Protein backbone atom coordinates (compact mmCIF):
# COMPACT_ATOMS: atom_id res chain seq x y z
CA MET A 1 0.00 0.00 0.00
CA GLY A 2 3.03 2.29 0.05
CA GLY A 3 4.09 4.75 2.72
CA PRO A 4 2.09 7.23 4.82
CA ILE A 5 1.56 9.64 1.92
CA ASP A 6 0.22 6.87 -0.33
CA GLN A 7 -2.07 5.66 2.43
CA ALA A 8 -3.32 9.20 3.01
CA ARG A 9 -4.12 9.52 -0.71
CA LEU A 10 -5.97 6.21 -0.62
CA GLY A 11 -7.94 7.27 2.45
CA ALA A 12 -8.88 10.57 0.79
CA ALA A 13 -9.96 8.79 -2.43
CA LEU A 14 -12.15 6.35 -0.48
CA ALA A 15 -13.64 9.19 1.59
CA ARG A 16 -14.57 11.07 -1.61
CA LEU A 17 -16.13 7.92 -3.06
CA ALA A 18 -18.11 7.30 0.15
CA THR A 19 -19.81 10.69 -0.19
CA THR A 20 -20.39 10.53 -3.95
CA PRO A 21 -24.10 10.16 -4.84
CA ALA A 22 -24.95 6.94 -6.64
CA SER A 23 -26.47 8.98 -9.48
CA ARG A 24 -23.07 10.52 -10.23
CA ILE A 25 -21.41 7.12 -10.27
CA LEU A 26 -24.05 5.79 -12.67
CA ALA A 27 -23.41 8.78 -14.98
CA ARG A 28 -19.70 7.96 -15.35
CA PRO A 29 -18.38 6.41 -18.58
CA GLU A 30 -18.67 2.63 -18.35
CA GLN A 31 -15.70 0.34 -18.94
CA THR A 32 -14.25 -2.68 -17.19
CA ALA A 33 -13.22 -2.34 -13.57
CA LEU A 34 -9.64 -3.23 -14.53
CA ALA A 35 -9.45 -0.45 -17.11
CA ALA A 36 -10.88 2.08 -14.65
CA LEU A 37 -8.22 1.37 -12.02
CA SER A 38 -5.62 3.37 -13.95
CA SER A 39 -7.74 6.54 -13.72
CA ARG A 40 -7.92 6.65 -9.91
CA GLY A 41 -4.94 8.98 -9.56
CA LEU A 42 -3.21 6.61 -7.15
CA PRO A 43 0.28 5.08 -7.36
CA SER A 44 0.47 1.70 -9.08
CA ARG A 45 1.77 0.11 -5.87
CA THR A 46 -1.43 1.18 -4.08
CA VAL A 47 -3.64 0.05 -6.97
CA ASN A 48 -1.94 -3.34 -7.38
CA GLY A 49 -1.17 -3.86 -3.69
CA PHE A 50 -4.62 -3.02 -2.33
CA LEU A 51 -7.36 -1.80 -4.68
CA ARG A 52 -7.09 -4.57 -7.26
CA PRO A 53 -7.07 -7.49 -4.77
CA LEU A 54 -9.80 -5.79 -2.72
CA LEU A 55 -12.08 -5.37 -5.73
CA THR A 56 -11.30 -8.93 -6.81
CA ALA A 57 -12.49 -10.11 -3.38
CA LEU A 58 -15.57 -7.87 -3.28
CA LEU A 59 -16.69 -8.78 -6.82
CA SER A 60 -15.46 -12.43 -6.93
CA ASP A 61 -14.03 -11.48 -10.32
CA PRO A 62 -10.30 -12.29 -10.71
CA GLY A 63 -10.12 -10.68 -14.14
CA LEU A 64 -12.00 -7.53 -13.04
CA THR A 65 -14.16 -7.73 -16.15
CA THR A 66 -17.04 -6.25 -14.13
CA SER A 67 -18.63 -2.94 -15.16
CA SER A 68 -16.68 -0.02 -13.67
CA ARG A 69 -19.96 1.50 -12.45
CA CYS A 70 -20.81 -1.66 -10.50
CA ALA A 71 -17.24 -1.79 -9.17
CA ASP A 72 -17.44 1.84 -8.02
CA LEU A 73 -20.76 1.23 -6.27
CA THR A 74 -19.32 -1.84 -4.54
CA LEU A 75 -16.18 0.05 -3.51
CA ARG A 76 -18.39 2.92 -2.32
CA GLY A 77 -20.27 0.49 -0.09
CA TYR A 78 -16.95 -0.72 1.34
CA ALA A 79 -15.78 2.85 1.94
CA ARG A 80 -19.04 3.71 3.71
CA GLY A 81 -19.31 0.63 5.91
CA ARG A 82 -16.16 -1.50 5.61
CA LEU A 83 -16.60 -5.29 5.80
CA CYS A 84 -18.75 -7.37 8.12
CA VAL A 85 -20.27 -10.82 8.51
CA PRO A 86 -23.48 -11.86 10.29
CA SER A 87 -22.83 -13.18 13.78
CA GLY A 88 -23.50 -16.90 13.89
CA GLY A 89 -23.14 -17.54 10.17
CA SER A 90 -24.74 -16.66 6.84
CA ALA A 91 -28.01 -18.38 7.77
CA THR A 92 -28.63 -15.88 10.57
CA LEU A 93 -30.15 -13.17 8.37
CA PRO A 94 -32.88 -15.31 6.71
CA GLU A 95 -33.61 -16.89 10.10
CA LEU A 96 -34.18 -13.44 11.62
CA LEU A 97 -36.42 -12.43 8.71
CA ALA A 98 -38.45 -15.65 9.00
CA ALA A 99 -38.78 -15.27 12.77
CA ALA A 100 -40.55 -11.92 12.30
CA LEU A 101 -43.32 -13.56 10.25
CA PRO A 102 -46.45 -15.32 11.61
CA PRO A 103 -45.94 -19.02 12.48
CA GLY A 104 -46.36 -21.34 9.51
CA THR A 105 -45.64 -18.62 6.95
CA VAL A 106 -42.34 -20.12 5.81
CA ARG A 107 -42.06 -23.70 4.55
CA THR A 108 -38.61 -25.13 3.91
CA GLY A 109 -37.49 -28.29 2.13
CA VAL A 110 -40.22 -27.92 -0.50
CA HIS A 111 -39.40 -28.62 -4.16
CA VAL A 112 -41.30 -26.34 -6.54
CA THR A 113 -41.91 -27.94 -9.94
CA ALA A 114 -43.96 -25.19 -11.63
CA ALA A 115 -45.29 -21.75 -10.78
CA ASP A 116 -47.49 -19.03 -12.19
CA ILE A 117 -49.50 -16.05 -10.97
CA THR A 118 -52.29 -18.10 -9.37
CA SER A 119 -50.61 -21.28 -8.17
CA VAL A 120 -47.39 -23.01 -7.17
CA ARG A 121 -47.00 -26.74 -7.77
CA THR A 122 -44.76 -28.71 -5.43
CA LYS A 123 -43.54 -32.29 -5.05
CA GLU A 124 -44.41 -32.53 -1.39
CA HIS A 125 -47.66 -30.56 -1.02
CA GLY A 126 -49.28 -30.62 -4.44
CA GLU A 127 -50.72 -27.35 -5.74
CA LEU A 128 -50.87 -24.22 -3.57
CA GLY A 129 -53.04 -21.31 -4.64
CA CYS A 130 -51.85 -17.70 -4.52
CA ARG A 131 -52.84 -14.17 -5.55
CA SER A 132 -49.34 -13.11 -6.56
CA LEU A 133 -46.02 -14.85 -7.05
CA LEU A 134 -42.60 -13.54 -6.06
CA LEU A 135 -39.73 -15.73 -7.26
CA ALA A 136 -36.65 -15.12 -5.10
CA THR A 137 -34.03 -17.57 -6.37
CA GLY A 138 -30.81 -17.65 -8.32
CA ALA A 139 -30.89 -16.82 -12.02
CA SER A 140 -30.83 -20.41 -13.32
CA ALA A 141 -33.57 -21.63 -10.97
CA ALA A 142 -35.69 -18.60 -11.86
CA ALA A 143 -35.30 -19.29 -15.58
CA GLU A 144 -36.34 -22.93 -15.10
CA LEU A 145 -39.63 -21.82 -13.56
CA LEU A 146 -40.06 -18.78 -15.82
CA PRO A 147 -38.72 -19.75 -19.28
CA GLY A 148 -37.31 -16.81 -21.21
CA LEU A 149 -35.82 -15.10 -18.18
CA ARG A 150 -32.24 -13.97 -18.81
CA VAL A 151 -29.48 -16.20 -17.39
CA PRO A 152 -26.13 -14.36 -17.10
CA PRO A 153 -22.68 -15.95 -17.09
CA PHE A 154 -21.29 -16.65 -13.62
CA HIS A 155 -18.12 -16.40 -11.55
CA PRO A 156 -17.42 -19.75 -9.79
CA VAL A 157 -16.37 -19.56 -6.13
CA THR A 158 -14.95 -22.19 -3.78
CA VAL A 159 -14.92 -21.59 -0.01
CA LEU A 160 -12.77 -23.73 2.27
CA HIS A 161 -12.92 -23.97 6.05
CA HIS A 162 -9.85 -25.22 7.90
CA THR A 163 -9.47 -25.75 11.62
CA ALA A 164 -6.18 -25.31 13.46
CA PRO A 165 -4.99 -25.88 17.03
CA ALA A 166 -3.99 -22.22 17.43
CA PRO A 167 -4.78 -18.99 15.55
CA PRO A 168 -2.25 -17.49 13.12
CA PRO A 169 -0.77 -14.16 14.29
CA THR A 170 -2.98 -11.96 12.09
CA GLY A 171 -5.97 -11.32 14.34
CA ALA A 172 -9.22 -10.54 12.54
CA SER A 173 -7.54 -9.03 9.49
CA LEU A 174 -8.61 -10.00 5.98
CA LEU A 175 -5.58 -11.15 3.98
CA LEU A 176 -5.63 -10.33 0.26
CA ASP A 177 -3.33 -12.08 -2.19
CA ALA A 178 -1.94 -9.04 -3.98
CA ASP A 179 0.82 -11.10 -5.62
CA ARG A 180 -1.63 -13.66 -7.06
CA SER A 181 0.94 -16.30 -6.12
CA GLY A 182 -1.54 -19.08 -5.40
CA PRO A 183 -5.18 -20.17 -5.63
CA VAL A 184 -6.43 -18.25 -2.56
CA ALA A 185 -7.89 -14.81 -3.35
CA HIS A 186 -8.54 -13.86 0.27
CA THR A 187 -8.61 -15.49 3.68
CA CYS A 188 -9.20 -14.65 7.33
CA VAL A 189 -9.20 -16.25 10.76
CA MET A 190 -12.99 -16.35 10.99
CA SER A 191 -13.03 -17.41 14.63
CA GLU A 192 -11.26 -14.14 15.49
CA VAL A 193 -14.10 -12.27 13.76
CA ASP A 194 -16.95 -14.44 15.08
CA PRO A 195 -15.92 -16.95 17.79
CA SER A 196 -19.29 -18.73 17.59
CA ARG A 197 -18.35 -20.23 14.21
CA ALA A 198 -15.36 -22.25 15.42
CA PRO A 199 -15.48 -25.87 16.63
CA HIS A 200 -14.86 -26.11 20.36
CA GLY A 201 -11.21 -25.60 21.22
CA ARG A 202 -10.17 -25.00 17.60
CA THR A 203 -9.48 -22.03 15.34
CA LEU A 204 -11.48 -21.60 12.13
CA ILE A 205 -9.77 -20.24 9.00
CA THR A 206 -11.98 -19.43 6.01
CA SER A 207 -10.46 -19.02 2.54
CA THR A 208 -11.87 -18.25 -0.90
CA VAL A 209 -10.70 -19.56 -4.27
CA LEU A 210 -12.07 -17.77 -7.34
CA GLY A 211 -12.56 -19.37 -10.74
CA THR A 212 -11.98 -23.05 -11.47
CA PRO A 213 -10.35 -24.68 -8.44
CA PRO A 214 -7.09 -26.61 -8.91
CA PRO A 215 -7.33 -30.42 -8.95
CA ASP A 216 -5.17 -30.72 -5.81
CA LEU A 217 -7.31 -28.16 -4.01
CA ASP A 218 -6.50 -28.81 -0.35
CA ARG A 219 -2.78 -29.30 -0.86
CA SER A 220 -2.29 -26.20 -3.01
CA VAL A 221 -4.48 -24.08 -0.72
CA ARG A 222 -2.57 -25.22 2.39
CA ALA A 223 0.75 -24.31 0.75
CA HIS A 224 -0.57 -20.88 -0.21
CA LEU A 225 -2.05 -20.29 3.26
CA ALA A 226 1.29 -21.17 4.84
CA ALA A 227 2.91 -18.40 2.80
CA LEU A 228 0.12 -15.88 3.44
CA TYR A 229 -0.02 -16.45 7.20
CA GLY A 230 3.71 -17.12 7.62
CA THR A 231 3.04 -20.26 9.64
CA PRO A 232 3.07 -24.03 8.97
CA THR A 233 -0.28 -25.53 8.00
CA ASP A 234 0.63 -29.24 8.23
CA ASP A 235 -1.59 -29.77 11.27
CA TRP A 236 -4.57 -27.85 9.84
CA GLU A 237 -7.65 -29.96 9.16
CA LEU A 238 -9.97 -29.36 6.20
CA LEU A 239 -13.41 -29.12 7.74
CA CYS A 240 -15.30 -28.69 4.45
CA ALA A 241 -15.09 -27.15 1.00
CA HIS A 242 -18.04 -25.70 -0.90
CA HIS A 243 -17.84 -25.11 -4.66
CA ASP A 244 -20.57 -23.15 -6.44
CA PRO A 245 -20.17 -22.82 -10.21
CA GLU A 246 -22.92 -20.17 -10.26
CA ALA A 247 -21.95 -18.28 -7.12
CA VAL A 248 -21.90 -14.74 -8.52
CA PRO A 249 -23.63 -13.50 -11.70
CA ALA A 250 -21.13 -11.69 -13.93
CA MET A 251 -21.65 -7.97 -14.55
CA PRO A 252 -19.63 -7.06 -17.67
CA PRO A 253 -20.23 -3.64 -19.23
CA PRO A 254 -22.78 -2.52 -20.19
CA HIS A 255 -24.67 -3.74 -17.14
CA ASP A 256 -28.26 -2.91 -16.25
CA LEU A 257 -28.21 -2.38 -12.49
CA ARG A 258 -31.97 -2.21 -12.17
CA ARG A 259 -33.50 -5.04 -14.14
CA PRO A 260 -37.29 -5.11 -13.77
CA VAL A 261 -38.56 -7.05 -10.76
CA ARG A 262 -42.21 -6.68 -11.82
CA LEU A 263 -42.71 -8.84 -14.92
CA LEU A 264 -46.46 -8.16 -14.89
CA ALA A 265 -49.16 -7.59 -12.29
CA GLY A 266 -49.00 -10.53 -9.91
CA LEU A 267 -45.64 -11.89 -11.12
CA TYR A 268 -42.36 -10.67 -9.63
CA VAL A 269 -38.77 -11.86 -9.49
CA CYS A 270 -35.84 -10.71 -7.36
CA GLY A 271 -32.26 -11.71 -6.65
CA ASP A 272 -28.70 -10.56 -7.28
CA HIS A 273 -29.26 -11.21 -11.01
CA ARG A 274 -31.80 -8.33 -11.09
CA ASP A 275 -29.47 -5.77 -9.49
CA THR A 276 -25.80 -5.85 -8.55
CA SER A 277 -24.26 -9.26 -7.88
CA THR A 278 -23.77 -8.61 -4.18
CA VAL A 279 -25.67 -9.32 -0.97
CA GLN A 280 -26.71 -5.66 -0.98
CA GLY A 281 -27.96 -5.99 -4.56
CA ALA A 282 -30.03 -9.06 -3.71
CA LEU A 283 -31.58 -7.30 -0.71
CA PHE A 284 -32.25 -4.13 -2.69
CA SER A 285 -33.96 -6.09 -5.47
CA GLY A 286 -36.13 -7.74 -2.83
CA ARG A 287 -37.13 -4.34 -1.49
CA ARG A 288 -37.97 -3.14 -5.00
CA ALA A 289 -40.10 -6.25 -5.53
CA ALA A 290 -41.89 -5.77 -2.20
CA HIS A 291 -42.73 -2.17 -3.12
CA ALA A 292 -44.03 -3.33 -6.52
CA ILE A 293 -46.26 -5.96 -4.89
CA LEU A 294 -47.63 -3.48 -2.34
CA GLY A 295 -48.27 -0.97 -5.13
CA ASP A 296 -50.25 -3.52 -7.15
CA LEU A 297 -52.25 -4.38 -4.03
CA GLY A 298 -52.97 -0.70 -3.45
CA ILE A 299 -50.95 -0.47 -0.24
CA ARG A 300 -48.38 2.17 0.57
CA PRO A 301 -45.23 0.88 2.35
CA GLY A 302 -45.46 1.58 6.07
CA ARG A 303 -49.23 1.01 6.36
CA PRO A 304 -50.57 -0.68 9.54
CA GLU A 305 -50.03 -4.41 9.86
CA ALA A 306 -53.80 -5.11 9.88
CA GLU A 307 -54.16 -3.63 6.39
CA LEU A 308 -51.29 -5.79 5.14
CA ARG A 309 -53.01 -8.90 6.50
CA GLU A 310 -56.28 -7.93 4.80
CA ALA A 311 -54.49 -7.47 1.47
CA ALA A 312 -52.88 -10.90 1.79
């Protein structure tokens, strides 16, 4: 990242980006995120040593082929709020959302075979009637149920969880592979961030591999982690590895950041493939869909709960 002056320039650039309205970012010329890095006015050591690996991690895009507008919005979100994870794991957020709903509202483990505006057909419960349908799935699953829906290309992601007897000496820092010297794009000692995630008496290290994973995944990742953490990894145990070939929808330029969530009255779709390919984008598309549904039902957001129940 360079010396104090370089770091001060980086801090000033991120502060400016944090206060830039989204409308101004969306009005900028659109190119790839990689091409836009050279116009930041920062030294190459700062760009290559921090910005490039950070954007690679935030976008899950090792080639930085993502739209520069999407990259700027993602970097703006980082500058405004830094990085965080939900306490207790990624399932915590949907569990909290489900807990706020009336009992019996959410059914899990149900395989939907077909869906339209008035009904949903399932393997386990037959046909369920409905007044409106909101499809909140990944792009491929959405296109299977709604033929003709656009399916973008994807960035594959592999996440590995290792346990170790003792934590590496990095604390809760996120390590970025600026040198691109191995398969790991970024890694952190997750149990230092959220102790509840670690097995009892062990340290949990979470690492991410972007693109197609190497055939000798665990061995090559361990060797890379040993170099990144500066500590032997021979006694680390691979707890699990998750590979998702469709983890992140690609956003090459030109990219439509606000794809319609209302296909027609009574039929809606949301997900990261309708917005930006981030958690924030998925949530924002869900909010847009909820507003569209309420509008079609003649309800203004924020109305009393009794009126929402009557509309349902």
